[in-house]
Amino acid sequence: MHDGIELEKQGVPTAVIITDEFVNQAKAIAEIQGIPDYPFAVIPHPIGRLTPEDLKERAKQALPQVLKILGQE
């Protein structure tokens, strides 16, 4: 989250993807960094033990959110 915000501050369009377990933390980091409405894509938690095919499905879930964040929808 921090890296995405720092890149945005430098003018680099960025889309951060987090799992739903970390929404509150992501919101807190965004607020601390001075961008309380910083958008991020949210996918279901957990991802650590998913198969490559399951990860591909999570990426598909994130894609519309990422495109919206980047203004490419």
C-alpha atoms as a PDB file:
ATOM      1  CA  MET A   1       0.000   0.000   0.000  1.00  0.00           C
ATOM      2  CA  HIS A   2       2.729   2.421   0.992  1.00  0.00           C
ATOM      3  CA  ASP A   3       4.641   1.819  -2.263  1.00  0.00           C
ATOM      4  CA  GLY A   4       1.540   2.410  -4.376  1.00  0.00           C
ATOM      5  CA  ILE A   5       0.837   5.697  -2.630  1.00  0.00           C
ATOM      6  CA  GLU A   6       4.437   6.834  -3.009  1.00  0.00           C
ATOM      7  CA  LEU A   7       4.388   6.007  -6.727  1.00  0.00           C
ATOM      8  CA  GLU A   8       1.126   7.928  -7.144  1.00  0.00           C
ATOM      9  CA  LYS A   9       2.655  10.936  -5.404  1.00  0.00           C
ATOM     10  CA  GLN A  10       5.455  10.790  -7.987  1.00  0.00           C
ATOM     11  CA  GLY A  11       2.938  10.747 -10.833  1.00  0.00           C
ATOM     12  CA  VAL A  12       3.070   7.037 -11.614  1.00  0.00           C
ATOM     13  CA  PRO A  13      -0.439   5.596 -12.071  1.00  0.00           C
ATOM     14  CA  THR A  14      -0.689   2.676  -9.681  1.00  0.00           C
ATOM     15  CA  ALA A  15      -3.298   0.128  -8.663  1.00  0.00           C
ATOM     16  CA  VAL A  16      -2.777  -1.631  -5.344  1.00  0.00           C
ATOM     17  CA  ILE A  17      -4.425  -5.022  -4.839  1.00  0.00           C
ATOM     18  CA  ILE A  18      -5.150  -6.211  -1.304  1.00  0.00           C
ATOM     19  CA  THR A  19      -7.153  -9.010   0.243  1.00  0.00           C
ATOM     20  CA  ASP A  20     -10.320  -8.228   2.164  1.00  0.00           C
ATOM     21  CA  GLU A  21      -8.550  -9.126   5.413  1.00  0.00           C
ATOM     22  CA  PHE A  22      -6.450  -5.951   5.105  1.00  0.00           C
ATOM     23  CA  VAL A  23      -9.008  -3.309   4.107  1.00  0.00           C
ATOM     24  CA  ASN A  24      -8.911  -1.532   7.473  1.00  0.00           C
ATOM     25  CA  GLN A  25      -5.116  -1.449   7.491  1.00  0.00           C
ATOM     26  CA  ALA A  26      -5.028  -0.163   3.912  1.00  0.00           C
ATOM     27  CA  LYS A  27      -7.466   2.620   4.754  1.00  0.00           C
ATOM     28  CA  ALA A  28      -5.380   3.583   7.785  1.00  0.00           C
ATOM     29  CA  ILE A  29      -2.165   3.678   5.745  1.00  0.00           C
ATOM     30  CA  ALA A  30      -3.833   5.806   3.071  1.00  0.00           C
ATOM     31  CA  GLU A  31      -5.052   8.252   5.699  1.00  0.00           C
ATOM     32  CA  ILE A  32      -1.638   8.447   7.369  1.00  0.00           C
ATOM     33  CA  GLN A  33      -0.068   9.086   3.950  1.00  0.00           C
ATOM     34  CA  GLY A  34      -2.458  11.973   3.332  1.00  0.00           C
ATOM     35  CA  ILE A  35      -4.715  10.324   0.743  1.00  0.00           C
ATOM     36  CA  PRO A  36      -7.697   9.045   2.755  1.00  0.00           C
ATOM     37  CA  ASP A  37      -9.712   8.249  -0.361  1.00  0.00           C
ATOM     38  CA  TYR A  38      -6.916   6.326  -2.109  1.00  0.00           C
ATOM     39  CA  PRO A  39      -8.593   3.570  -4.134  1.00  0.00           C
ATOM     40  CA  PHE A  40      -7.451  -0.045  -4.041  1.00  0.00           C
ATOM     41  CA  ALA A  41      -8.666  -3.315  -5.513  1.00  0.00           C
ATOM     42  CA  VAL A  42      -9.926  -5.922  -3.065  1.00  0.00           C
ATOM     43  CA  ILE A  43      -9.911  -9.679  -3.554  1.00  0.00           C
ATOM     44  CA  PRO A  44     -10.918 -12.451  -1.136  1.00  0.00           C
ATOM     45  CA  HIS A  45      -8.478 -13.605   1.525  1.00  0.00           C
ATOM     46  CA  PRO A  46      -6.408 -15.786   1.734  1.00  0.00           C
ATOM     47  CA  ILE A  47      -4.191 -16.189  -1.306  1.00  0.00           C
ATOM     48  CA  GLY A  48      -1.084 -17.830   0.160  1.00  0.00           C
ATOM     49  CA  ARG A  49      -2.151 -21.409  -0.418  1.00  0.00           C
ATOM     50  CA  LEU A  50      -4.060 -21.053  -3.667  1.00  0.00           C
ATOM     51  CA  THR A  51      -3.214 -23.041  -6.751  1.00  0.00           C
ATOM     52  CA  PRO A  52      -1.988 -21.178  -9.825  1.00  0.00           C
ATOM     53  CA  GLU A  53      -5.440 -21.617 -11.370  1.00  0.00           C
ATOM     54  CA  ASP A  54      -7.143 -20.188  -8.274  1.00  0.00           C
ATOM     55  CA  LEU A  55      -4.745 -17.238  -8.299  1.00  0.00           C
ATOM     56  CA  LYS A  56      -5.636 -16.659 -11.937  1.00  0.00           C
ATOM     57  CA  GLU A  57      -9.302 -16.454 -10.911  1.00  0.00           C
ATOM     58  CA  ARG A  58      -8.483 -13.920  -8.199  1.00  0.00           C
ATOM     59  CA  ALA A  59      -6.598 -11.866 -10.781  1.00  0.00           C
ATOM     60  CA  LYS A  60      -9.676 -11.948 -13.001  1.00  0.00           C
ATOM     61  CA  GLN A  61     -11.727 -10.675 -10.065  1.00  0.00           C
ATOM     62  CA  ALA A  62      -9.278  -7.822  -9.507  1.00  0.00           C
ATOM     63  CA  LEU A  63      -8.983  -6.775 -13.147  1.00  0.00           C
ATOM     64  CA  PRO A  64     -12.163  -4.654 -13.419  1.00  0.00           C
ATOM     65  CA  GLN A  65     -11.238  -2.854 -10.199  1.00  0.00           C
ATOM     66  CA  VAL A  66      -7.684  -2.253 -11.392  1.00  0.00           C
ATOM     67  CA  LEU A  67      -8.870  -0.899 -14.728  1.00  0.00           C
ATOM     68  CA  LYS A  68     -11.285   1.441 -12.959  1.00  0.00           C
ATOM     69  CA  ILE A  69      -8.537   2.702 -10.632  1.00  0.00           C
ATOM     70  CA  LEU A  70      -6.259   3.341 -13.608  1.00  0.00           C
ATOM     71  CA  GLY A  71      -9.060   5.045 -15.532  1.00  0.00           C
ATOM     72  CA  GLN A  72      -9.129   2.357 -18.194  1.00  0.00           C
ATOM     73  CA  GLU A  73     -12.583   0.920 -17.618  1.00  0.00           C
END
